[in-house]
Amino acid sequence: MTTTDPEVEAEPTPDAEPVVEPDPGDEGERYIDWMRVRDLIAAPKNPKRHDLKTLRASLKRFGSVEAPVLDERTERLVAGHGRTETYRDLEAAGDSPPVGVKVDESGAWVIAVQRGWHSADDVEAAAYVVTSNRSAELGGWDDALLDETLAEVAESDLGLEGVGFEAPVDELPSTKVENLTPLRYAHALVTYAVDLHAEVAPIIAQLEAMPEVRIRATVNDTK
């Protein structure tokens, strides 16, 4: 084993490249910072709605998995608004922190936040808020594989709790069907070729005119 005398300064290597430690504030560097939930500020415009009930169930089941993203220029969130709001609600309600959430010396909840990204301006910040949600929507689902996966998950001890999907009523055990409330919502996915839009559009317009029906339409290459 080679030892180095602490009083003797090492000779520099002639052709060695200088080692530069990454600066957390550098625009190209991404890093995780632990921040208090109460200190996180939402984007001034976020058109995305959130199913907080499902998010609460998801956090309780899976713990903290995905980190919200902070814009260094504005010091506001550009992703993870729903999860952050859910953390804040759970903390205010006095719940136990989900797995992966720390508690500091003051009792405040602390979560992992991805940092290092700088938006060019307010328009680009707003654009990322939209695309971080929209890109996942446009991917669509492989319906057959989704059904297969949900069937497997439904057989687990926790079932579909916190997953965001529910089994069709006719596939639920009779005891669960009896406990369903009359206010239960139904969800339907309609897929049609774009060249049929002229025929389908009037039907969609009729549904959109109904106060208790919400339509979300997308156009993509997924059948």
Protein backbone atom coordinates (compact mmCIF):
# COMPACT_ATOMS: atom_id res chain seq x y z
CA MET A 1 0.00 0.00 0.00
CA THR A 2 1.31 3.44 -0.91
CA THR A 3 1.02 6.13 1.75
CA THR A 4 1.25 9.88 1.28
CA ASP A 5 2.99 12.15 3.76
CA PRO A 6 0.34 14.78 4.65
CA GLU A 7 3.06 17.44 4.82
CA VAL A 8 4.29 16.76 1.31
CA GLU A 9 2.26 18.35 -1.47
CA ALA A 10 1.51 15.97 -4.33
CA GLU A 11 3.06 16.73 -7.71
CA PRO A 12 0.43 17.68 -10.32
CA THR A 13 -0.08 15.23 -13.16
CA PRO A 14 1.25 16.92 -16.32
CA ASP A 15 -1.64 16.26 -18.73
CA ALA A 16 -4.48 15.73 -16.22
CA GLU A 17 -7.74 17.60 -16.82
CA PRO A 18 -8.81 19.78 -13.89
CA VAL A 19 -11.63 18.27 -11.86
CA VAL A 20 -14.57 20.68 -11.73
CA GLU A 21 -17.26 19.99 -9.16
CA PRO A 22 -20.75 20.59 -10.61
CA ASP A 23 -22.42 23.73 -9.36
CA PRO A 24 -26.01 23.01 -8.21
CA GLY A 25 -26.98 26.39 -9.62
CA ASP A 26 -25.59 25.55 -13.06
CA GLU A 27 -28.33 25.48 -15.70
CA GLY A 28 -27.22 22.08 -17.02
CA GLU A 29 -26.98 20.31 -13.68
CA ARG A 30 -29.96 18.41 -12.26
CA TYR A 31 -29.99 17.45 -8.61
CA ILE A 32 -32.30 16.43 -5.78
CA ASP A 33 -32.89 18.83 -2.92
CA TRP A 34 -34.91 18.11 0.23
CA MET A 35 -37.38 20.94 0.76
CA ARG A 36 -40.25 21.64 3.12
CA VAL A 37 -43.65 21.09 1.55
CA ARG A 38 -44.93 24.35 3.00
CA ASP A 39 -42.16 26.26 1.19
CA LEU A 40 -43.02 24.99 -2.29
CA ILE A 41 -44.87 27.52 -4.45
CA ALA A 42 -47.16 26.49 -7.30
CA ALA A 43 -46.89 27.83 -10.83
CA PRO A 44 -49.03 30.96 -11.30
CA LYS A 45 -50.97 29.18 -14.09
CA ASN A 46 -51.68 25.47 -13.98
CA PRO A 47 -54.70 24.36 -16.07
CA LYS A 48 -54.34 20.71 -14.99
CA ARG A 49 -56.94 19.41 -12.56
CA HIS A 50 -56.08 16.79 -9.96
CA ASP A 51 -57.91 13.86 -8.47
CA LEU A 52 -56.76 14.47 -4.90
CA LYS A 53 -58.68 11.49 -3.54
CA THR A 54 -56.74 9.10 -5.78
CA LEU A 55 -53.48 10.92 -5.09
CA ARG A 56 -53.98 10.53 -1.33
CA ALA A 57 -54.66 6.82 -1.73
CA SER A 58 -51.66 6.46 -4.04
CA LEU A 59 -49.28 8.20 -1.63
CA LYS A 60 -50.51 6.08 1.25
CA ARG A 61 -50.04 2.89 -0.75
CA PHE A 62 -46.79 3.56 -2.64
CA GLY A 63 -45.19 6.35 -0.62
CA SER A 64 -43.23 9.18 -2.23
CA VAL A 65 -42.02 7.97 -5.64
CA GLU A 66 -41.86 10.86 -8.13
CA ALA A 67 -40.21 14.14 -7.21
CA PRO A 68 -41.86 17.49 -8.07
CA VAL A 69 -39.77 19.74 -10.35
CA LEU A 70 -38.74 23.29 -9.43
CA ASP A 71 -37.93 26.04 -11.91
CA GLU A 72 -34.77 27.78 -10.66
CA ARG A 73 -35.59 31.01 -12.48
CA THR A 74 -39.00 31.51 -10.86
CA GLU A 75 -38.47 29.32 -7.78
CA ARG A 76 -41.89 27.83 -8.49
CA LEU A 77 -43.05 24.32 -9.34
CA VAL A 78 -43.48 23.29 -12.96
CA ALA A 79 -44.42 19.65 -12.24
CA GLY A 80 -45.84 17.72 -9.31
CA HIS A 81 -48.52 20.20 -8.27
CA GLY A 82 -51.09 17.54 -7.42
CA ARG A 83 -48.71 15.49 -5.30
CA THR A 84 -47.47 18.61 -3.51
CA GLU A 85 -51.01 19.74 -2.76
CA THR A 86 -51.78 16.26 -1.44
CA TYR A 87 -48.70 16.28 0.80
CA ARG A 88 -49.79 19.66 2.14
CA ASP A 89 -53.34 18.47 2.86
CA LEU A 90 -52.14 15.28 4.60
CA GLU A 91 -49.67 17.23 6.71
CA ALA A 92 -52.32 19.80 7.71
CA ALA A 93 -54.70 16.97 8.64
CA GLY A 94 -52.14 15.51 11.03
CA ASP A 95 -51.65 12.28 9.06
CA SER A 96 -48.49 10.22 9.32
CA PRO A 97 -46.03 11.10 6.54
CA PRO A 98 -45.96 8.63 3.62
CA VAL A 99 -42.86 6.47 3.19
CA GLY A 100 -40.11 8.60 1.65
CA VAL A 101 -41.22 11.83 3.33
CA LYS A 102 -38.95 13.19 6.05
CA VAL A 103 -39.86 15.34 9.04
CA ASP A 104 -37.48 18.11 10.12
CA GLU A 105 -36.75 19.34 13.64
CA SER A 106 -39.71 21.74 13.50
CA GLY A 107 -42.09 18.93 12.57
CA ALA A 108 -42.49 20.09 8.96
CA TRP A 109 -42.73 17.55 6.16
CA VAL A 110 -39.74 17.51 3.81
CA ILE A 111 -39.79 15.91 0.36
CA ALA A 112 -37.32 15.30 -2.46
CA VAL A 113 -37.54 17.93 -5.21
CA GLN A 114 -35.77 17.86 -8.58
CA ARG A 115 -33.89 21.09 -9.15
CA GLY A 116 -31.50 22.63 -11.64
CA TRP A 117 -33.83 23.40 -14.56
CA HIS A 118 -34.14 27.05 -15.62
CA SER A 119 -37.00 28.24 -17.82
CA ALA A 120 -36.08 30.80 -20.45
CA ASP A 121 -39.05 33.01 -19.59
CA ASP A 122 -42.60 32.87 -18.21
CA VAL A 123 -44.01 31.54 -21.48
CA GLU A 124 -41.58 28.61 -21.51
CA ALA A 125 -42.33 27.89 -17.86
CA ALA A 126 -46.06 27.79 -18.61
CA ALA A 127 -45.41 25.62 -21.66
CA TYR A 128 -43.57 23.03 -19.58
CA VAL A 129 -46.37 22.93 -17.01
CA VAL A 130 -48.68 21.90 -19.85
CA THR A 131 -46.38 19.45 -21.63
CA SER A 132 -45.42 17.60 -18.45
CA ASN A 133 -49.06 16.56 -18.20
CA ARG A 134 -50.07 16.49 -21.86
CA SER A 135 -47.28 14.21 -23.09
CA ALA A 136 -48.52 11.40 -20.82
CA GLU A 137 -52.11 11.86 -22.03
CA LEU A 138 -51.15 11.65 -25.71
CA GLY A 139 -49.52 8.26 -25.25
CA GLY A 140 -52.90 6.61 -24.71
CA TRP A 141 -53.26 3.04 -23.43
CA ASP A 142 -52.80 -0.45 -24.78
CA ASP A 143 -56.30 -1.44 -23.68
CA ALA A 144 -55.73 -5.20 -23.75
CA LEU A 145 -52.53 -4.95 -21.72
CA LEU A 146 -54.13 -2.45 -19.35
CA ASP A 147 -57.04 -4.82 -18.68
CA GLU A 148 -54.62 -7.68 -18.07
CA THR A 149 -52.50 -5.60 -15.70
CA LEU A 150 -55.48 -4.27 -13.75
CA ALA A 151 -56.88 -7.78 -13.40
CA GLU A 152 -53.59 -8.90 -11.83
CA VAL A 153 -53.42 -5.88 -9.52
CA ALA A 154 -57.07 -6.32 -8.51
CA GLU A 155 -56.19 -9.76 -7.14
CA SER A 156 -53.55 -8.32 -4.77
CA ASP A 157 -54.24 -7.61 -1.09
CA LEU A 158 -54.74 -3.88 -1.72
CA GLY A 159 -56.60 -4.38 -4.99
CA LEU A 160 -56.90 -1.26 -7.14
CA GLU A 161 -56.67 1.15 -4.21
CA GLY A 162 -54.72 4.24 -5.23
CA VAL A 163 -54.26 3.05 -8.82
CA GLY A 164 -56.84 5.35 -10.39
CA PHE A 165 -58.94 2.63 -12.01
CA GLU A 166 -61.87 0.63 -10.69
CA ALA A 167 -63.19 -2.73 -11.81
CA PRO A 168 -66.45 -2.66 -13.80
CA VAL A 169 -69.51 -3.04 -11.56
CA ASP A 170 -70.39 -6.45 -13.04
CA GLU A 171 -66.94 -7.76 -12.10
CA LEU A 172 -67.10 -6.63 -8.47
CA PRO A 173 -68.08 -9.06 -5.71
CA SER A 174 -71.80 -8.74 -4.89
CA THR A 175 -71.04 -7.36 -1.43
CA LYS A 176 -69.19 -4.43 -2.99
CA VAL A 177 -71.92 -3.81 -5.56
CA GLU A 178 -74.47 -3.47 -2.75
CA ASN A 179 -72.30 -0.79 -1.10
CA LEU A 180 -71.97 1.40 -4.18
CA THR A 181 -73.57 4.80 -3.86
CA PRO A 182 -75.99 6.09 -6.54
CA LEU A 183 -73.55 8.96 -7.22
CA ARG A 184 -70.92 6.68 -8.74
CA TYR A 185 -69.45 7.99 -12.00
CA ALA A 186 -69.16 5.95 -15.19
CA HIS A 187 -66.26 6.35 -17.63
CA ALA A 188 -66.31 5.53 -21.34
CA LEU A 189 -63.50 5.69 -23.90
CA VAL A 190 -64.60 6.22 -27.52
CA THR A 191 -62.12 5.60 -30.33
CA TYR A 192 -62.89 6.37 -33.97
CA ALA A 193 -61.05 7.08 -37.20
CA VAL A 194 -60.41 10.77 -37.86
CA ASP A 195 -62.25 10.61 -41.20
CA LEU A 196 -65.45 9.83 -39.25
CA HIS A 197 -65.20 12.99 -37.19
CA ALA A 198 -67.92 14.81 -39.12
CA GLU A 199 -70.39 12.07 -38.18
CA VAL A 200 -69.23 11.65 -34.58
CA ALA A 201 -68.84 15.37 -33.74
CA PRO A 202 -72.61 16.05 -33.37
CA ILE A 203 -72.90 13.15 -30.90
CA ILE A 204 -69.98 14.51 -28.87
CA ALA A 205 -71.55 17.99 -28.95
CA GLN A 206 -74.78 16.58 -27.50
CA LEU A 207 -72.86 14.94 -24.67
CA GLU A 208 -70.86 18.11 -23.98
CA ALA A 209 -74.13 20.03 -23.63
CA MET A 210 -75.16 17.85 -20.70
CA PRO A 211 -74.16 19.55 -17.40
CA GLU A 212 -73.05 16.33 -15.65
CA VAL A 213 -70.95 14.99 -18.52
CA ARG A 214 -67.31 15.92 -19.08
CA ILE A 215 -65.66 15.10 -22.42
CA ARG A 216 -61.91 14.92 -22.93
CA ALA A 217 -60.95 14.41 -26.57
CA THR A 218 -57.51 13.68 -28.00
CA VAL A 219 -56.17 12.94 -31.47
CA ASN A 220 -53.24 10.54 -31.84
CA ASP A 221 -52.03 7.43 -33.63
CA THR A 222 -53.12 5.00 -30.90
CA LYS A 223 -56.07 2.83 -31.86
